[in-house]
Structures are given as C-alpha cells and as structure tokens.
Amino acid sequence: MRLVLLLVLVLMVAGPASAEDLSGPVRVIDGDTIEIGGRRIHLFGIDAPELEQTCEWPAKTIDCGKVSRTSRRPLYARR
C-alpha cells in the first residue's frame, strides 16, 4: 500500500507534460516522427516502421519505412 501511495505522490508532483505552441513547416521524418519548425516530435502511441526498415512480402521485399513516411505526408500537407 505504501508503494502505491508513493507512486501516486510522485506522479502528482511530476504533473502532465507541458504543451507549447509550435509553428513552422511540418516535415515528415518517418511514420511516427515529424518535425515542426526544426523540432522533432515522436507521435505518442504510434508505432510505425523506421525509415530504412523493410518488410518481407510473399514474393518480394518492400521498403515499408518509406511507404509509411510517404503515406503520412498528405496528412500534414499545408499545415
């Protein structure tokens, strides 16, 4: 019980991560990382292939990291 109470107190003191305003062009680094105004941001809860990662498909190898990055670009277009 003491451990749980201690954990709760530590989490209360730590508090939530502070938000800050970011501005500037958005650049997609890979499927789960973007850059805004020169600051890299890892998207929480997203697990995407890394840029150079490949995946084996039954008859061929696919550059799934590049596919993941390319599929994210339209999401951030004009932002």
PDB file of N, CA and C in Angstrom:
ATOM      1  N   MET A   1       0.829  -1.198   0.000  1.00  0.00           N
ATOM      2  CA  MET A   1       0.000   0.000   0.000  1.00  0.00           C
ATOM      3  C   MET A   1       0.867   1.253   0.000  1.00  0.00           C
ATOM      4  N   ARG A   2       1.959   1.222   0.766  1.00  0.00           N
ATOM      5  CA  ARG A   2       2.857   2.384   0.807  1.00  0.00           C
ATOM      6  C   ARG A   2       3.459   2.663  -0.555  1.00  0.00           C
ATOM      7  N   LEU A   3       3.795   1.593  -1.281  1.00  0.00           N
ATOM      8  CA  LEU A   3       4.386   1.760  -2.608  1.00  0.00           C
ATOM      9  C   LEU A   3       3.401   2.437  -3.555  1.00  0.00           C
ATOM     10  N   VAL A   4       2.144   2.037  -3.492  1.00  0.00           N
ATOM     11  CA  VAL A   4       1.120   2.647  -4.340  1.00  0.00           C
ATOM     12  C   VAL A   4       0.956   4.122  -3.991  1.00  0.00           C
ATOM     13  N   LEU A   5       0.911   4.439  -2.718  1.00  0.00           N
ATOM     14  CA  LEU A   5       0.781   5.829  -2.287  1.00  0.00           C
ATOM     15  C   LEU A   5       1.980   6.654  -2.741  1.00  0.00           C
ATOM     16  N   LEU A   6       3.165   6.094  -2.610  1.00  0.00           N
ATOM     17  CA  LEU A   6       4.372   6.783  -3.050  1.00  0.00           C
ATOM     18  C   LEU A   6       4.342   7.031  -4.555  1.00  0.00           C
ATOM     19  N   LEU A   7       3.912   6.032  -5.319  1.00  0.00           N
ATOM     20  CA  LEU A   7       3.808   6.177  -6.759  1.00  0.00           C
ATOM     21  C   LEU A   7       2.816   7.272  -7.135  1.00  0.00           C
ATOM     22  N   VAL A   8       1.681   7.309  -6.486  1.00  0.00           N
ATOM     23  CA  VAL A   8       0.677   8.347  -6.745  1.00  0.00           C
ATOM     24  C   VAL A   8       1.241   9.736  -6.441  1.00  0.00           C
ATOM     25  N   LEU A   9       1.941   9.872  -5.339  1.00  0.00           N
ATOM     26  CA  LEU A   9       2.536  11.162  -4.977  1.00  0.00           C
ATOM     27  C   LEU A   9       3.590  11.600  -5.988  1.00  0.00           C
ATOM     28  N   VAL A  10       4.402  10.675  -6.432  1.00  0.00           N
ATOM     29  CA  VAL A  10       5.429  11.008  -7.432  1.00  0.00           C
ATOM     30  C   VAL A  10       4.773  11.466  -8.726  1.00  0.00           C
ATOM     31  N   LEU A  11       3.740  10.771  -9.152  1.00  0.00           N
ATOM     32  CA  LEU A  11       3.056  11.159 -10.384  1.00  0.00           C
ATOM     33  C   LEU A  11       2.363  12.510 -10.249  1.00  0.00           C
ATOM     34  N   MET A  12       1.834  12.817  -9.080  1.00  0.00           N
ATOM     35  CA  MET A  12       1.187  14.113  -8.868  1.00  0.00           C
ATOM     36  C   MET A  12       2.203  15.242  -8.925  1.00  0.00           C
ATOM     37  N   VAL A  13       3.372  15.031  -8.362  1.00  0.00           N
ATOM     38  CA  VAL A  13       4.407  16.057  -8.368  1.00  0.00           C
ATOM     39  C   VAL A  13       4.951  16.250  -9.769  1.00  0.00           C
ATOM     40  N   ALA A  14       5.121  15.155 -10.504  1.00  0.00           N
ATOM     41  CA  ALA A  14       5.655  15.241 -11.861  1.00  0.00           C
ATOM     42  C   ALA A  14       4.704  16.013 -12.766  1.00  0.00           C
ATOM     43  N   GLY A  15       3.417  15.805 -12.598  1.00  0.00           N
ATOM     44  CA  GLY A  15       2.421  16.514 -13.383  1.00  0.00           C
ATOM     45  C   GLY A  15       2.460  16.144 -14.850  1.00  0.00           C
ATOM     46  N   PRO A  16       1.527  16.664 -15.618  1.00  0.00           N
ATOM     47  CA  PRO A  16       1.492  16.361 -17.043  1.00  0.00           C
ATOM     48  C   PRO A  16       2.595  17.106 -17.782  1.00  0.00           C
ATOM     49  N   ALA A  17       2.945  16.583 -18.930  1.00  0.00           N
ATOM     50  CA  ALA A  17       3.938  17.268 -19.765  1.00  0.00           C
ATOM     51  C   ALA A  17       3.361  18.602 -20.214  1.00  0.00           C
ATOM     52  N   SER A  18       4.166  19.618 -20.204  1.00  0.00           N
ATOM     53  CA  SER A  18       3.660  20.936 -20.600  1.00  0.00           C
ATOM     54  C   SER A  18       3.577  21.040 -22.115  1.00  0.00           C
ATOM     55  N   ALA A  19       2.540  21.675 -22.569  1.00  0.00           N
ATOM     56  CA  ALA A  19       2.359  21.892 -24.005  1.00  0.00           C
ATOM     57  C   ALA A  19       2.974  23.221 -24.383  1.00  0.00           C
ATOM     58  N   GLU A  20       3.427  23.302 -25.586  1.00  0.00           N
ATOM     59  CA  GLU A  20       3.963  24.559 -26.069  1.00  0.00           C
ATOM     60  C   GLU A  20       3.477  24.756 -27.492  1.00  0.00           C
ATOM     61  N   ASP A  21       3.389  25.989 -27.891  1.00  0.00           N
ATOM     62  CA  ASP A  21       2.974  26.295 -29.252  1.00  0.00           C
ATOM     63  C   ASP A  21       4.156  26.094 -30.188  1.00  0.00           C
ATOM     64  N   LEU A  22       3.914  25.364 -31.247  1.00  0.00           N
ATOM     65  CA  LEU A  22       4.927  25.154 -32.267  1.00  0.00           C
ATOM     66  C   LEU A  22       4.416  25.743 -33.565  1.00  0.00           C
ATOM     67  N   SER A  23       5.291  26.313 -34.315  1.00  0.00           N
ATOM     68  CA  SER A  23       4.880  26.835 -35.607  1.00  0.00           C
ATOM     69  C   SER A  23       6.009  26.627 -36.597  1.00  0.00           C
ATOM     70  N   GLY A  24       5.645  26.618 -37.834  1.00  0.00           N
ATOM     71  CA  GLY A  24       6.617  26.428 -38.894  1.00  0.00           C
ATOM     72  C   GLY A  24       6.189  25.289 -39.790  1.00  0.00           C
ATOM     73  N   PRO A  25       6.974  25.040 -40.795  1.00  0.00           N
ATOM     74  CA  PRO A  25       6.621  23.970 -41.723  1.00  0.00           C
ATOM     75  C   PRO A  25       6.714  22.610 -41.055  1.00  0.00           C
ATOM     76  N   VAL A  26       5.834  21.702 -41.480  1.00  0.00           N
ATOM     77  CA  VAL A  26       5.829  20.333 -40.964  1.00  0.00           C
ATOM     78  C   VAL A  26       6.581  19.458 -41.952  1.00  0.00           C
ATOM     79  N   ARG A  27       7.516  18.687 -41.434  1.00  0.00           N
ATOM     80  CA  ARG A  27       8.282  17.757 -42.264  1.00  0.00           C
ATOM     81  C   ARG A  27       8.106  16.356 -41.677  1.00  0.00           C
ATOM     82  N   VAL A  28       7.743  15.396 -42.503  1.00  0.00           N
ATOM     83  CA  VAL A  28       7.573  14.019 -42.049  1.00  0.00           C
ATOM     84  C   VAL A  28       8.932  13.334 -42.104  1.00  0.00           C
ATOM     85  N   ILE A  29       9.402  12.856 -40.960  1.00  0.00           N
ATOM     86  CA  ILE A  29      10.679  12.166 -40.867  1.00  0.00           C
ATOM     87  C   ILE A  29      10.490  10.683 -41.191  1.00  0.00           C
ATOM     88  N   ASP A  30       9.578  10.051 -40.504  1.00  0.00           N
ATOM     89  CA  ASP A  30       9.178   8.676 -40.796  1.00  0.00           C
ATOM     90  C   ASP A  30       7.734   8.526 -40.334  1.00  0.00           C
ATOM     91  N   GLY A  31       7.233   7.300 -40.263  1.00  0.00           N
ATOM     92  CA  GLY A  31       5.820   7.089 -39.965  1.00  0.00           C
ATOM     93  C   GLY A  31       5.358   7.551 -38.608  1.00  0.00           C
ATOM     94  N   ASP A  32       6.281   7.704 -37.644  1.00  0.00           N
ATOM     95  CA  ASP A  32       5.875   8.116 -36.305  1.00  0.00           C
ATOM     96  C   ASP A  32       6.660   9.308 -35.764  1.00  0.00           C
ATOM     97  N   THR A  33       7.350  10.022 -36.642  1.00  0.00           N
ATOM     98  CA  THR A  33       8.119  11.197 -36.229  1.00  0.00           C
ATOM     99  C   THR A  33       7.926  12.311 -37.240  1.00  0.00           C
ATOM    100  N   ILE A  34       7.622  13.506 -36.727  1.00  0.00           N
ATOM    101  CA  ILE A  34       7.514  14.686 -37.579  1.00  0.00           C
ATOM    102  C   ILE A  34       8.444  15.764 -37.032  1.00  0.00           C
ATOM    103  N   GLU A  35       8.640  16.784 -37.827  1.00  0.00           N
ATOM    104  CA  GLU A  35       9.444  17.916 -37.400  1.00  0.00           C
ATOM    105  C   GLU A  35       8.636  19.177 -37.688  1.00  0.00           C
ATOM    106  N   ILE A  36       8.499  20.025 -36.689  1.00  0.00           N
ATOM    107  CA  ILE A  36       7.782  21.291 -36.850  1.00  0.00           C
ATOM    108  C   ILE A  36       8.733  22.401 -36.455  1.00  0.00           C
ATOM    109  N   GLY A  37       9.007  23.291 -37.398  1.00  0.00           N
ATOM    110  CA  GLY A  37       9.889  24.414 -37.111  1.00  0.00           C
ATOM    111  C   GLY A  37      11.250  23.988 -36.579  1.00  0.00           C
ATOM    112  N   GLY A  38      11.773  22.851 -37.067  1.00  0.00           N
ATOM    113  CA  GLY A  38      13.077  22.383 -36.635  1.00  0.00           C
ATOM    114  C   GLY A  38      13.070  21.527 -35.379  1.00  0.00           C
ATOM    115  N   ARG A  39      11.906  21.300 -34.777  1.00  0.00           N
ATOM    116  CA  ARG A  39      11.815  20.496 -33.544  1.00  0.00           C
ATOM    117  C   ARG A  39      11.202  19.143 -33.856  1.00  0.00           C
ATOM    118  N   ARG A  40      11.938  18.063 -33.567  1.00  0.00           N
ATOM    119  CA  ARG A  40      11.446  16.710 -33.834  1.00  0.00           C
ATOM    120  C   ARG A  40      10.463  16.268 -32.756  1.00  0.00           C
ATOM    121  N   ILE A  41       9.390  15.646 -33.202  1.00  0.00           N
ATOM    122  CA  ILE A  41       8.328  15.209 -32.310  1.00  0.00           C
ATOM    123  C   ILE A  41       7.989  13.761 -32.643  1.00  0.00           C
ATOM    124  N   HIS A  42       8.103  12.894 -31.638  1.00  0.00           N
ATOM    125  CA  HIS A  42       7.702  11.495 -31.802  1.00  0.00           C
ATOM    126  C   HIS A  42       6.228  11.408 -31.420  1.00  0.00           C
ATOM    127  N   LEU A  43       5.417  10.868 -32.306  1.00  0.00           N
ATOM    128  CA  LEU A  43       3.977  10.784 -32.075  1.00  0.00           C
ATOM    129  C   LEU A  43       3.666   9.674 -31.077  1.00  0.00           C
ATOM    130  N   PHE A  44       3.095  10.053 -29.953  1.00  0.00           N
ATOM    131  CA  PHE A  44       2.786   9.125 -28.862  1.00  0.00           C
ATOM    132  C   PHE A  44       1.750   8.098 -29.308  1.00  0.00           C
ATOM    133  N   GLY A  45       2.002   6.853 -29.012  1.00  0.00           N
ATOM    134  CA  GLY A  45       1.041   5.792 -29.307  1.00  0.00           C
ATOM    135  C   GLY A  45       1.084   5.290 -30.736  1.00  0.00           C
ATOM    136  N   ILE A  46       2.003   5.802 -31.541  1.00  0.00           N
ATOM    137  CA  ILE A  46       2.133   5.371 -32.930  1.00  0.00           C
ATOM    138  C   ILE A  46       3.402   4.540 -33.045  1.00  0.00           C
ATOM    139  N   ASP A  47       3.288   3.352 -33.582  1.00  0.00           N
ATOM    140  CA  ASP A  47       4.455   2.515 -33.827  1.00  0.00           C
ATOM    141  C   ASP A  47       4.471   2.197 -35.309  1.00  0.00           C
ATOM    142  N   ALA A  48       5.329   2.878 -36.028  1.00  0.00           N
ATOM    143  CA  ALA A  48       5.432   2.703 -37.471  1.00  0.00           C
ATOM    144  C   ALA A  48       6.845   2.241 -37.816  1.00  0.00           C
ATOM    145  N   PRO A  49       7.007   1.643 -38.976  1.00  0.00           N
ATOM    146  CA  PRO A  49       8.343   1.206 -39.378  1.00  0.00           C
ATOM    147  C   PRO A  49       9.313   2.389 -39.462  1.00  0.00           C
ATOM    148  N   GLU A  50      10.567   2.116 -39.134  1.00  0.00           N
ATOM    149  CA  GLU A  50      11.599   3.142 -39.268  1.00  0.00           C
ATOM    150  C   GLU A  50      11.893   3.349 -40.752  1.00  0.00           C
ATOM    151  N   LEU A  51      12.467   4.475 -41.097  1.00  0.00           N
ATOM    152  CA  LEU A  51      12.637   4.874 -42.490  1.00  0.00           C
ATOM    153  C   LEU A  51      13.332   3.807 -43.337  1.00  0.00           C
ATOM    154  N   GLU A  52      14.378   3.202 -42.856  1.00  0.00           N
ATOM    155  CA  GLU A  52      15.134   2.219 -43.646  1.00  0.00           C
ATOM    156  C   GLU A  52      14.652   0.785 -43.460  1.00  0.00           C
ATOM    157  N   GLN A  53      13.550   0.593 -42.726  1.00  0.00           N
ATOM    158  CA  GLN A  53      13.057  -0.760 -42.453  1.00  0.00           C
ATOM    159  C   GLN A  53      12.378  -1.356 -43.676  1.00  0.00           C
ATOM    160  N   THR A  54      12.629  -2.635 -43.911  1.00  0.00           N
ATOM    161  CA  THR A  54      11.969  -3.352 -44.998  1.00  0.00           C
ATOM    162  C   THR A  54      11.061  -4.428 -44.417  1.00  0.00           C
ATOM    163  N   CYS A  55      10.115  -4.867 -45.226  1.00  0.00           N
ATOM    164  CA  CYS A  55       9.195  -5.928 -44.837  1.00  0.00           C
ATOM    165  C   CYS A  55       9.198  -6.990 -45.934  1.00  0.00           C
ATOM    166  N   GLU A  56       9.085  -8.231 -45.520  1.00  0.00           N
ATOM    167  CA  GLU A  56       9.046  -9.324 -46.490  1.00  0.00           C
ATOM    168  C   GLU A  56       7.601  -9.625 -46.863  1.00  0.00           C
ATOM    169  N   TRP A  57       7.313  -9.572 -48.122  1.00  0.00           N
ATOM    170  CA  TRP A  57       6.015  -9.934 -48.668  1.00  0.00           C
ATOM    171  C   TRP A  57       6.225 -11.281 -49.349  1.00  0.00           C
ATOM    172  N   PRO A  58       5.196 -12.056 -49.609  1.00  0.00           N
ATOM    173  CA  PRO A  58       5.441 -13.403 -50.143  1.00  0.00           C
ATOM    174  C   PRO A  58       6.437 -13.480 -51.309  1.00  0.00           C
ATOM    175  N   ALA A  59       6.385 -12.577 -52.235  1.00  0.00           N
ATOM    176  CA  ALA A  59       7.252 -12.704 -53.410  1.00  0.00           C
ATOM    177  C   ALA A  59       8.302 -11.595 -53.520  1.00  0.00           C
ATOM    178  N   LYS A  60       8.330 -10.638 -52.565  1.00  0.00           N
ATOM    179  CA  LYS A  60       9.283  -9.537 -52.713  1.00  0.00           C
ATOM    180  C   LYS A  60       9.534  -8.830 -51.387  1.00  0.00           C
ATOM    181  N   THR A  61      10.546  -7.970 -51.391  1.00  0.00           N
ATOM    182  CA  THR A  61      10.862  -7.129 -50.239  1.00  0.00           C
ATOM    183  C   THR A  61      10.308  -5.733 -50.502  1.00  0.00           C
ATOM    184  N   ILE A  62       9.632  -5.159 -49.506  1.00  0.00           N
ATOM    185  CA  ILE A  62       9.010  -3.838 -49.635  1.00  0.00           C
ATOM    186  C   ILE A  62       9.720  -2.866 -48.702  1.00  0.00           C
ATOM    187  N   ASP A  63       9.961  -1.646 -49.160  1.00  0.00           N
ATOM    188  CA  ASP A  63      10.528  -0.584 -48.318  1.00  0.00           C
ATOM    189  C   ASP A  63       9.407   0.001 -47.463  1.00  0.00           C
ATOM    190  N   CYS A  64       8.968  -0.751 -46.447  1.00  0.00           N
ATOM    191  CA  CYS A  64       7.793  -0.341 -45.675  1.00  0.00           C
ATOM    192  C   CYS A  64       8.045   0.942 -44.870  1.00  0.00           C
ATOM    193  N   GLY A  65       9.278   1.252 -44.500  1.00  0.00           N
ATOM    194  CA  GLY A  65       9.569   2.515 -43.827  1.00  0.00           C
ATOM    195  C   GLY A  65       9.291   3.709 -44.729  1.00  0.00           C
ATOM    196  N   LYS A  66       9.707   3.602 -45.989  1.00  0.00           N
ATOM    197  CA  LYS A  66       9.462   4.696 -46.947  1.00  0.00           C
ATOM    198  C   LYS A  66       7.976   4.796 -47.294  1.00  0.00           C
ATOM    199  N   VAL A  67       7.310   3.648 -47.394  1.00  0.00           N
ATOM    200  CA  VAL A  67       5.867   3.653 -47.654  1.00  0.00           C
ATOM    201  C   VAL A  67       5.135   4.326 -46.500  1.00  0.00           C
ATOM    202  N   SER A  68       5.545   4.033 -45.272  1.00  0.00           N
ATOM    203  CA  SER A  68       4.917   4.636 -44.098  1.00  0.00           C
ATOM    204  C   SER A  68       5.095   6.151 -44.103  1.00  0.00           C
ATOM    205  N   ARG A  69       6.310   6.624 -44.386  1.00  0.00           N
ATOM    206  CA  ARG A  69       6.571   8.071 -44.424  1.00  0.00           C
ATOM    207  C   ARG A  69       5.741   8.733 -45.517  1.00  0.00           C
ATOM    208  N   THR A  70       5.740   8.143 -46.699  1.00  0.00           N
ATOM    209  CA  THR A  70       5.018   8.717 -47.830  1.00  0.00           C
ATOM    210  C   THR A  70       3.519   8.783 -47.561  1.00  0.00           C
ATOM    211  N   SER A  71       2.979   7.781 -46.872  1.00  0.00           N
ATOM    212  CA  SER A  71       1.541   7.779 -46.592  1.00  0.00           C
ATOM    213  C   SER A  71       1.155   8.844 -45.575  1.00  0.00           C
ATOM    214  N   ARG A  72       2.095   9.321 -44.766  1.00  0.00           N
ATOM    215  CA  ARG A  72       1.809  10.348 -43.759  1.00  0.00           C
ATOM    216  C   ARG A  72       1.835  11.762 -44.344  1.00  0.00           C
ATOM    217  N   ARG A  73       2.574  11.963 -45.403  1.00  0.00           N
ATOM    218  CA  ARG A  73       2.752  13.315 -45.948  1.00  0.00           C
ATOM    219  C   ARG A  73       1.431  14.035 -46.259  1.00  0.00           C
ATOM    220  N   PRO A  74       0.451  13.382 -46.894  1.00  0.00           N
ATOM    221  CA  PRO A  74      -0.810  14.102 -47.156  1.00  0.00           C
ATOM    222  C   PRO A  74      -1.525  14.561 -45.896  1.00  0.00           C
ATOM    223  N   LEU A  75      -1.299  13.870 -44.777  1.00  0.00           N
ATOM    224  CA  LEU A  75      -1.941  14.262 -43.529  1.00  0.00           C
ATOM    225  C   LEU A  75      -1.478  15.646 -43.045  1.00  0.00           C
ATOM    226  N   TYR A  76      -0.245  16.011 -43.401  1.00  0.00           N
ATOM    227  CA  TYR A  76       0.333  17.268 -42.909  1.00  0.00           C
ATOM    228  C   TYR A  76       0.485  18.308 -43.992  1.00  0.00           C
ATOM    229  N   ALA A  77       0.005  18.034 -45.185  1.00  0.00           N
ATOM    230  CA  ALA A  77       0.120  18.980 -46.289  1.00  0.00           C
ATOM    231  C   ALA A  77      -0.569  20.306 -45.930  1.00  0.00           C
ATOM    232  N   ARG A  78       0.103  21.394 -46.230  1.00  0.00           N
ATOM    233  CA  ARG A  78      -0.424  22.763 -45.999  1.00  0.00           C
ATOM    234  C   ARG A  78      -0.690  23.032 -44.525  1.00  0.00           C
ATOM    235  N   ARG A  79       0.069  22.447 -43.632  1.00  0.00           N
ATOM    236  CA  ARG A  79      -0.110  22.717 -42.197  1.00  0.00           C
ATOM    237  C   ARG A  79       1.106  23.397 -41.666  1.00  0.00           C
TER     238      ARG A  79
END
